[in-house]
C-alpha atoms as a PDB file:
ATOM      1  CA  MET A   1     -96.695  30.556  17.647  1.00  0.00           C
ATOM      2  CA  ARG A   2     -97.756  33.013  14.767  1.00  0.00           C
ATOM      3  CA  GLY A   3     -95.337  33.904  12.292  1.00  0.00           C
ATOM      4  CA  GLN A   4     -93.263  30.983  12.744  1.00  0.00           C
ATOM      5  CA  LEU A   5     -91.916  29.527   9.824  1.00  0.00           C
ATOM      6  CA  PRO A   6     -92.393  25.619   9.032  1.00  0.00           C
ATOM      7  CA  LEU A   7     -89.363  23.437   9.601  1.00  0.00           C
ATOM      8  CA  PRO A   8     -88.170  22.141   6.140  1.00  0.00           C
ATOM      9  CA  GLU A   9     -89.086  18.479   5.383  1.00  0.00           C
ATOM     10  CA  MET A  10     -85.799  16.085   5.797  1.00  0.00           C
ATOM     11  CA  ARG A  11     -85.471  12.563   4.401  1.00  0.00           C
ATOM     12  CA  LEU A  12     -82.763   9.884   3.891  1.00  0.00           C
ATOM     13  CA  THR A  13     -81.789   9.311   0.485  1.00  0.00           C
ATOM     14  CA  SER A  14     -79.314   7.402  -1.107  1.00  0.00           C
ATOM     15  CA  PRO A  15     -75.772   8.663  -1.155  1.00  0.00           C
ATOM     16  CA  PRO A  16     -74.551   9.956  -4.690  1.00  0.00           C
ATOM     17  CA  PRO A  17     -71.625   8.488  -6.700  1.00  0.00           C
ATOM     18  CA  ARG A  18     -68.227   7.923  -5.098  1.00  0.00           C
ATOM     19  CA  ALA A  19     -66.490  11.296  -6.395  1.00  0.00           C
ATOM     20  CA  GLU A  20     -69.851  13.380  -5.112  1.00  0.00           C
ATOM     21  CA  LEU A  21     -70.035  11.482  -2.020  1.00  0.00           C
ATOM     22  CA  LEU A  22     -66.329  12.399  -1.299  1.00  0.00           C
ATOM     23  CA  GLN A  23     -66.504  16.127  -2.474  1.00  0.00           C
ATOM     24  CA  GLY A  24     -69.718  16.331  -0.190  1.00  0.00           C
ATOM     25  CA  LEU A  25     -67.919  14.610   2.862  1.00  0.00           C
ATOM     26  CA  ALA A  26     -65.059  17.142   2.602  1.00  0.00           C
ATOM     27  CA  LEU A  27     -66.923  19.851   3.461  1.00  0.00           C
ATOM     28  CA  ARG A  28     -68.207  18.065   6.709  1.00  0.00           C
ATOM     29  CA  LEU A  29     -65.107  16.139   7.958  1.00  0.00           C
ATOM     30  CA  GLY A  30     -65.014  18.622  10.934  1.00  0.00           C
ATOM     31  CA  ASP A  31     -67.992  17.039  11.946  1.00  0.00           C
ATOM     32  CA  ALA A  32     -66.435  13.761  12.427  1.00  0.00           C
ATOM     33  CA  ALA A  33     -63.035  14.840  13.280  1.00  0.00           C
ATOM     34  CA  PRO A  34     -63.478  18.189  15.074  1.00  0.00           C
ATOM     35  CA  GLY A  35     -60.773  20.808  14.664  1.00  0.00           C
ATOM     36  CA  TRP A  36     -59.871  18.953  11.393  1.00  0.00           C
ATOM     37  CA  ARG A  37     -57.706  20.813   9.135  1.00  0.00           C
ATOM     38  CA  PRO A  38     -56.939  19.428   5.574  1.00  0.00           C
ATOM     39  CA  LEU A  39     -53.803  18.662   3.971  1.00  0.00           C
ATOM     40  CA  ALA A  40     -54.446  16.091   1.260  1.00  0.00           C
ATOM     41  CA  GLU A  41     -56.593  13.930  -0.535  1.00  0.00           C
ATOM     42  CA  ASN A  42     -56.570  10.686  -2.825  1.00  0.00           C
ATOM     43  CA  ILE A  43     -53.088   9.764  -2.220  1.00  0.00           C
ATOM     44  CA  LEU A  44     -51.492   6.512  -2.607  1.00  0.00           C
ATOM     45  CA  GLY A  45     -51.189   4.519   0.873  1.00  0.00           C
ATOM     46  CA  ALA A  46     -50.751   1.267   1.956  1.00  0.00           C
ATOM     47  CA  GLY A  47     -51.936  -0.779  -1.268  1.00  0.00           C
ATOM     48  CA  SER A  48     -54.905   1.639  -1.647  1.00  0.00           C
ATOM     49  CA  ARG A  49     -56.086   4.984  -1.743  1.00  0.00           C
ATOM     50  CA  ILE A  50     -56.231   7.185   1.551  1.00  0.00           C
ATOM     51  CA  ASP A  51     -59.228   9.604   0.902  1.00  0.00           C
ATOM     52  CA  PHE A  52     -58.134  12.588   2.951  1.00  0.00           C
ATOM     53  CA  VAL A  53     -54.827  13.129   5.185  1.00  0.00           C
ATOM     54  CA  GLY A  54     -55.007  15.858   7.690  1.00  0.00           C
ATOM     55  CA  LEU A  55     -54.310  17.390  11.198  1.00  0.00           C
ATOM     56  CA  ALA A  56     -56.382  16.945  14.501  1.00  0.00           C
ATOM     57  CA  PRO A  57     -55.799  19.834  17.056  1.00  0.00           C
ATOM     58  CA  GLY A  58     -52.150  19.763  18.075  1.00  0.00           C
ATOM     59  CA  GLY A  59     -50.706  18.447  15.098  1.00  0.00           C
ATOM     60  CA  ARG A  60     -51.752  14.932  15.290  1.00  0.00           C
ATOM     61  CA  LEU A  61     -51.792  13.326  11.606  1.00  0.00           C
ATOM     62  CA  THR A  62     -54.893  11.784  10.472  1.00  0.00           C
ATOM     63  CA  ALA A  63     -56.294   9.897   7.759  1.00  0.00           C
ATOM     64  CA  VAL A  64     -59.724   9.595   6.682  1.00  0.00           C
ATOM     65  CA  LEU A  65     -60.771   6.593   4.980  1.00  0.00           C
ATOM     66  CA  VAL A  66     -64.345   6.471   3.483  1.00  0.00           C
ATOM     67  CA  GLY A  67     -66.421   3.203   2.833  1.00  0.00           C
ATOM     68  CA  ASN A  68     -69.178   2.204   1.253  1.00  0.00           C
ATOM     69  CA  ALA A  69     -72.179  -0.268   3.004  1.00  0.00           C
ATOM     70  CA  HIS A  70     -71.318  -3.568   4.465  1.00  0.00           C
ATOM     71  CA  GLU A  71     -67.478  -2.533   4.009  1.00  0.00           C
ATOM     72  CA  ASP A  72     -66.843  -1.660   7.588  1.00  0.00           C
ATOM     73  CA  LEU A  73     -64.797  -4.911   8.860  1.00  0.00           C
ATOM     74  CA  GLU A  74     -62.544  -4.242   5.869  1.00  0.00           C
ATOM     75  CA  LEU A  75     -62.586  -0.305   6.772  1.00  0.00           C
ATOM     76  CA  VAL A  76     -61.179  -1.238  10.175  1.00  0.00           C
ATOM     77  CA  ALA A  77     -58.247  -3.327   8.739  1.00  0.00           C
ATOM     78  CA  ARG A  78     -57.652  -0.868   6.072  1.00  0.00           C
ATOM     79  CA  GLY A  79     -57.342   2.219   8.919  1.00  0.00           C
ATOM     80  CA  VAL A  80     -54.726   0.037  10.643  1.00  0.00           C
ATOM     81  CA  ALA A  81     -52.887  -0.252   7.632  1.00  0.00           C
ATOM     82  CA  GLN A  82     -52.869   3.205   6.589  1.00  0.00           C
ATOM     83  CA  ARG A  83     -51.881   4.383   9.860  1.00  0.00           C
ATOM     84  CA  ASP A  84     -48.524   2.329   9.893  1.00  0.00           C
ATOM     85  CA  TRP A  85     -47.853   3.638   6.445  1.00  0.00           C
ATOM     86  CA  LEU A  86     -48.196   6.957   7.283  1.00  0.00           C
ATOM     87  CA  SER A  87     -46.460   6.683  10.767  1.00  0.00           C
ATOM     88  CA  ALA A  88     -43.375   5.331   8.792  1.00  0.00           C
ATOM     89  CA  ARG A  89     -43.381   8.504   6.291  1.00  0.00           C
ATOM     90  CA  ILE A  90     -43.516  11.464   8.864  1.00  0.00           C
ATOM     91  CA  PRO A  91     -40.147  11.895   8.709  1.00  0.00           C
ATOM     92  CA  ASP A  92     -39.953  12.140   4.886  1.00  0.00           C
ATOM     93  CA  TRP A  93     -43.251  14.391   4.721  1.00  0.00           C
ATOM     94  CA  LEU A  94     -41.353  16.802   7.562  1.00  0.00           C
ATOM     95  CA  GLN A  95     -37.852  17.123   5.217  1.00  0.00           C
ATOM     96  CA  LEU A  96     -40.245  17.530   2.218  1.00  0.00           C
ATOM     97  CA  SER A  97     -41.328  20.684   4.261  1.00  0.00           C
ATOM     98  CA  THR A  98     -39.986  21.742   7.592  1.00  0.00           C
ATOM     99  CA  ASP A  99     -43.118  24.081   7.925  1.00  0.00           C
ATOM    100  CA  LEU A 100     -45.523  21.077   8.107  1.00  0.00           C
ATOM    101  CA  ALA A 101     -47.599  21.151  11.279  1.00  0.00           C
ATOM    102  CA  ILE A 102     -47.263  17.518  11.827  1.00  0.00           C
ATOM    103  CA  ARG A 103     -46.284  16.603  15.365  1.00  0.00           C
ATOM    104  CA  PRO A 104     -44.028  13.392  14.958  1.00  0.00           C
ATOM    105  CA  ASP A 105     -44.448  12.623  18.655  1.00  0.00           C
ATOM    106  CA  LEU A 106     -48.029  12.143  18.248  1.00  0.00           C
ATOM    107  CA  ASP A 107     -49.307   8.543  16.924  1.00  0.00           C
ATOM    108  CA  VAL A 108     -51.448   8.697  13.666  1.00  0.00           C
ATOM    109  CA  GLN A 109     -54.967   8.651  14.026  1.00  0.00           C
ATOM    110  CA  ALA A 110     -57.555   7.160  11.229  1.00  0.00           C
ATOM    111  CA  VAL A 111     -61.148   8.230  11.076  1.00  0.00           C
ATOM    112  CA  LEU A 112     -63.202   5.931   9.346  1.00  0.00           C
ATOM    113  CA  LEU A 113     -66.490   6.631   7.739  1.00  0.00           C
ATOM    114  CA  CYS A 114     -69.213   4.333   6.623  1.00  0.00           C
ATOM    115  CA  PRO A 115     -73.316   4.367   6.709  1.00  0.00           C
ATOM    116  CA  ALA A 116     -73.063   1.616   9.607  1.00  0.00           C
ATOM    117  CA  PHE A 117     -70.724  -0.046  11.642  1.00  0.00           C
ATOM    118  CA  ARG A 118     -71.805  -3.483  13.148  1.00  0.00           C
ATOM    119  CA  PRO A 119     -71.179  -4.560  16.505  1.00  0.00           C
ATOM    120  CA  GLU A 120     -67.969  -6.737  15.593  1.00  0.00           C
ATOM    121  CA  ALA A 121     -66.447  -3.752  13.608  1.00  0.00           C
ATOM    122  CA  ILE A 122     -66.781  -1.584  16.550  1.00  0.00           C
ATOM    123  CA  ALA A 123     -65.409  -4.322  19.003  1.00  0.00           C
ATOM    124  CA  ALA A 124     -62.633  -4.801  16.888  1.00  0.00           C
ATOM    125  CA  ALA A 125     -61.935  -1.143  16.418  1.00  0.00           C
ATOM    126  CA  ARG A 126     -62.182  -0.913  20.184  1.00  0.00           C
ATOM    127  CA  ALA A 127     -59.472  -3.686  20.757  1.00  0.00           C
ATOM    128  CA  LEU A 128     -57.028  -1.945  18.274  1.00  0.00           C
ATOM    129  CA  GLY A 129     -56.782   1.047  21.046  1.00  0.00           C
ATOM    130  CA  ASP A 130     -57.210   4.949  20.542  1.00  0.00           C
ATOM    131  CA  GLY A 131     -55.779   5.383  16.978  1.00  0.00           C
ATOM    132  CA  LEU A 132     -59.310   4.763  15.422  1.00  0.00           C
ATOM    133  CA  ARG A 133     -62.464   7.108  15.380  1.00  0.00           C
ATOM    134  CA  LEU A 134     -65.571   5.823  13.833  1.00  0.00           C
ATOM    135  CA  ALA A 135     -68.342   8.014  12.390  1.00  0.00           C
ATOM    136  CA  THR A 136     -71.545   7.144  10.381  1.00  0.00           C
ATOM    137  CA  TYR A 137     -72.448   9.197   6.977  1.00  0.00           C
ATOM    138  CA  ARG A 138     -76.052   9.553   5.698  1.00  0.00           C
ATOM    139  CA  TRP A 139     -77.241  11.442   2.699  1.00  0.00           C
ATOM    140  CA  VAL A 140     -80.097  13.712   3.582  1.00  0.00           C
ATOM    141  CA  GLN A 141     -82.672  15.728   1.030  1.00  0.00           C
ATOM    142  CA  SER A 142     -83.758  18.817   2.513  1.00  0.00           C
ATOM    143  CA  SER A 143     -85.201  22.067   0.523  1.00  0.00           C
ATOM    144  CA  GLY A 144     -84.621  20.516  -2.635  1.00  0.00           C
ATOM    145  CA  ARG A 145     -80.445  19.941  -1.770  1.00  0.00           C
ATOM    146  CA  ALA A 146     -78.708  16.900  -0.485  1.00  0.00           C
ATOM    147  CA  GLU A 147     -76.017  16.688   1.889  1.00  0.00           C
ATOM    148  CA  PRO A 148     -74.359  14.552   4.313  1.00  0.00           C
ATOM    149  CA  LEU A 149     -75.011  13.750   7.939  1.00  0.00           C
ATOM    150  CA  ILE A 150     -72.017  12.758   9.820  1.00  0.00           C
ATOM    151  CA  GLU A 151     -72.552  11.318  13.390  1.00  0.00           C
ATOM    152  CA  ILE A 152     -69.461  10.279  15.523  1.00  0.00           C
ATOM    153  CA  LEU A 153     -70.048   6.702  16.950  1.00  0.00           C
ATOM    154  CA  MET A 154     -66.663   6.282  18.271  1.00  0.00           C
ATOM    155  CA  ALA A 155     -63.943   8.509  19.594  1.00  0.00           C
ATOM    156  CA  PRO A 156     -60.882   7.550  21.557  1.00  0.00           C
ATOM    157  CA  ASP A 157     -60.766   7.946  25.382  1.00  0.00           C
ATOM    158  CA  ASN A 158     -58.071  10.470  25.106  1.00  0.00           C
ATOM    159  CA  ASP A 159     -59.931  12.393  22.728  1.00  0.00           C
ATOM    160  CA  ASP A 160     -58.069  15.742  22.008  1.00  0.00           C
ATOM    161  CA  SER A 161     -60.693  17.534  19.819  1.00  0.00           C
ATOM    162  CA  SER A 162     -60.988  20.066  22.119  1.00  0.00           C
ATOM    163  CA  ASP A 163     -57.280  21.223  22.736  1.00  0.00           C
ATOM    164  CA  ALA A 164     -56.054  24.236  21.448  1.00  0.00           C
ATOM    165  CA  TRP A 165     -53.914  24.114  18.330  1.00  0.00           C
ATOM    166  CA  ASP A 166     -50.240  24.552  19.428  1.00  0.00           C
ATOM    167  CA  PRO A 167     -49.103  28.148  17.986  1.00  0.00           C
ATOM    168  CA  VAL A 168     -45.605  26.966  17.119  1.00  0.00           C
ATOM    169  CA  PHE A 169     -47.403  24.850  14.551  1.00  0.00           C
ATOM    170  CA  GLU A 170     -49.217  26.259  11.518  1.00  0.00           C
ATOM    171  CA  PRO A 171     -50.927  24.416   8.602  1.00  0.00           C
ATOM    172  CA  VAL A 172     -49.666  24.706   5.191  1.00  0.00           C
ATOM    173  CA  ALA A 173     -51.486  23.885   1.481  1.00  0.00           C
ATOM    174  CA  VAL A 174     -48.590  21.488   0.505  1.00  0.00           C
ATOM    175  CA  PRO A 175     -50.187  18.083   0.965  1.00  0.00           C
ATOM    176  CA  THR A 176     -49.052  15.437  -1.187  1.00  0.00           C
ATOM    177  CA  PRO A 177     -45.721  14.123  -2.633  1.00  0.00           C
ATOM    178  CA  ARG A 178     -47.330  14.648  -6.162  1.00  0.00           C
ATOM    179  CA  ARG A 179     -47.291  18.403  -5.630  1.00  0.00           C
ATOM    180  CA  ALA A 180     -43.475  18.279  -4.011  1.00  0.00           C
ATOM    181  CA  ARG A 181     -41.833  19.474  -6.785  1.00  0.00           C
ATOM    182  CA  ALA A 182     -44.330  22.366  -7.058  1.00  0.00           C
ATOM    183  CA  ALA A 183     -43.927  23.344  -3.640  1.00  0.00           C
ATOM    184  CA  ALA A 184     -40.156  22.968  -3.506  1.00  0.00           C
ATOM    185  CA  PRO A 185     -38.109  26.019  -2.778  1.00  0.00           C
ATOM    186  CA  THR A 186     -36.334  27.680  -5.772  1.00  0.00           C
ATOM    187  CA  THR A 187     -32.752  27.705  -4.594  1.00  0.00           C
ATOM    188  CA  PRO A 188     -31.428  25.004  -1.924  1.00  0.00           C
ATOM    189  CA  ALA A 189     -31.755  25.579   1.666  1.00  0.00           C
ATOM    190  CA  GLN A 190     -28.371  27.153   3.048  1.00  0.00           C
ATOM    191  CA  SER A 191     -26.971  28.532   6.087  1.00  0.00           C
ATOM    192  CA  PRO A 192     -27.477  31.875   7.291  1.00  0.00           C
ATOM    193  CA  SER A 193     -23.821  32.259   7.845  1.00  0.00           C
ATOM    194  CA  GLN A 194     -22.583  31.111   4.349  1.00  0.00           C
ATOM    195  CA  PRO A 195     -24.518  32.590   1.561  1.00  0.00           C
ATOM    196  CA  GLY A 196     -21.755  31.994  -0.774  1.00  0.00           C
ATOM    197  CA  PRO A 197     -22.230  32.834  -4.543  1.00  0.00           C
ATOM    198  CA  LYS A 198     -22.217  29.533  -5.433  1.00  0.00           C
ATOM    199  CA  GLN A 199     -25.113  28.597  -3.083  1.00  0.00           C
ATOM    200  CA  ARG A 200     -27.237  31.597  -4.784  1.00  0.00           C
ATOM    201  CA  ASP A 201     -26.438  30.294  -8.194  1.00  0.00           C
ATOM    202  CA  ALA A 202     -27.046  26.447  -7.594  1.00  0.00           C
ATOM    203  CA  GLN A 203     -29.903  25.022  -9.633  1.00  0.00           C
ATOM    204  CA  PRO A 204     -33.113  23.648  -7.582  1.00  0.00           C
ATOM    205  CA  GLU A 205     -33.296  20.216  -6.753  1.00  0.00           C
ATOM    206  CA  SER A 206     -35.772  17.925  -9.136  1.00  0.00           C
ATOM    207  CA  PHE A 207     -37.409  16.712  -5.856  1.00  0.00           C
ATOM    208  CA  ARG A 208     -36.083  17.430  -2.566  1.00  0.00           C
ATOM    209  CA  THR A 209     -32.647  18.536  -1.391  1.00  0.00           C
ATOM    210  CA  GLY A 210     -30.780  15.647   0.005  1.00  0.00           C
ATOM    211  CA  LEU A 211     -32.768  12.880  -0.341  1.00  0.00           C
ATOM    212  CA  SER A 212     -32.917  10.127  -3.161  1.00  0.00           C
ATOM    213  CA  ASP A 213     -35.469   7.526  -4.260  1.00  0.00           C
ATOM    214  CA  GLU A 214     -33.656   5.042  -2.434  1.00  0.00           C
ATOM    215  CA  ASP A 215     -33.881   7.023   0.988  1.00  0.00           C
ATOM    216  CA  LEU A 216     -37.755   7.491   0.536  1.00  0.00           C
ATOM    217  CA  GLY A 217     -38.461   3.613   0.233  1.00  0.00           C
ATOM    218  CA  LEU A 218     -40.776   4.253  -2.736  1.00  0.00           C
ATOM    219  CA  THR A 219     -42.284   1.596  -4.572  1.00  0.00           C
ATOM    220  CA  ALA A 220     -42.417   1.787  -8.451  1.00  0.00           C
ATOM    221  CA  GLU A 221     -46.388   2.729  -8.352  1.00  0.00           C
ATOM    222  CA  GLU A 222     -45.451   5.613  -5.743  1.00  0.00           C
ATOM    223  CA  LEU A 223     -42.499   6.698  -8.049  1.00  0.00           C
ATOM    224  CA  ALA A 224     -45.223   6.956 -10.959  1.00  0.00           C
ATOM    225  CA  GLU A 225     -47.512   9.399  -8.704  1.00  0.00           C
ATOM    226  CA  LEU A 226     -44.380  12.026  -8.784  1.00  0.00           C
ATOM    227  CA  GLU A 227     -44.152  11.631 -12.339  1.00  0.00           C
END
């Protein structure tokens, strides 16, 4: 057809260094987990970092882990570990901020991103139930610009990515324990029926109201994150 512009030439290229890789993938996570809404990134989890934490439609807490080539089996194991780690801390996160949109009655999901998944890794993920979602990423060069191409490889049978958001919940921008103090209220929580002067003059808690380090069950390394 006359006047039709030619399609830009596209070719696969090597992924960029880790920092740039994560930065590029952060903009395309909705391709791997439709309806994704971010809460946090690069937080210390069960012995390693969780690259991204966010919410799936309906308020399901979701961890995103990014692996390099040939790390697919390790990534499946890490996904299981980080799901358990996050599940145990949902009550603490909700006490940090009662406005967090997390649904504690929904199981944590892990989205695993890797250049490729071998058959044994896919079989292991399927055997572990519906808490894991697999997606591949590749880097594509087009018109002088490189960007990620993400394809869903495996999604849970009861995938709720098309569900509408529950209007009761609203996402917040206070994702990580590192930022908890900055996000803490300047005055302690008080009952509307008892707004006494002592409550109004009280100084804010340094971390969060009514919880000690022992209550949180944090390790020494996690406590260092909060300093």
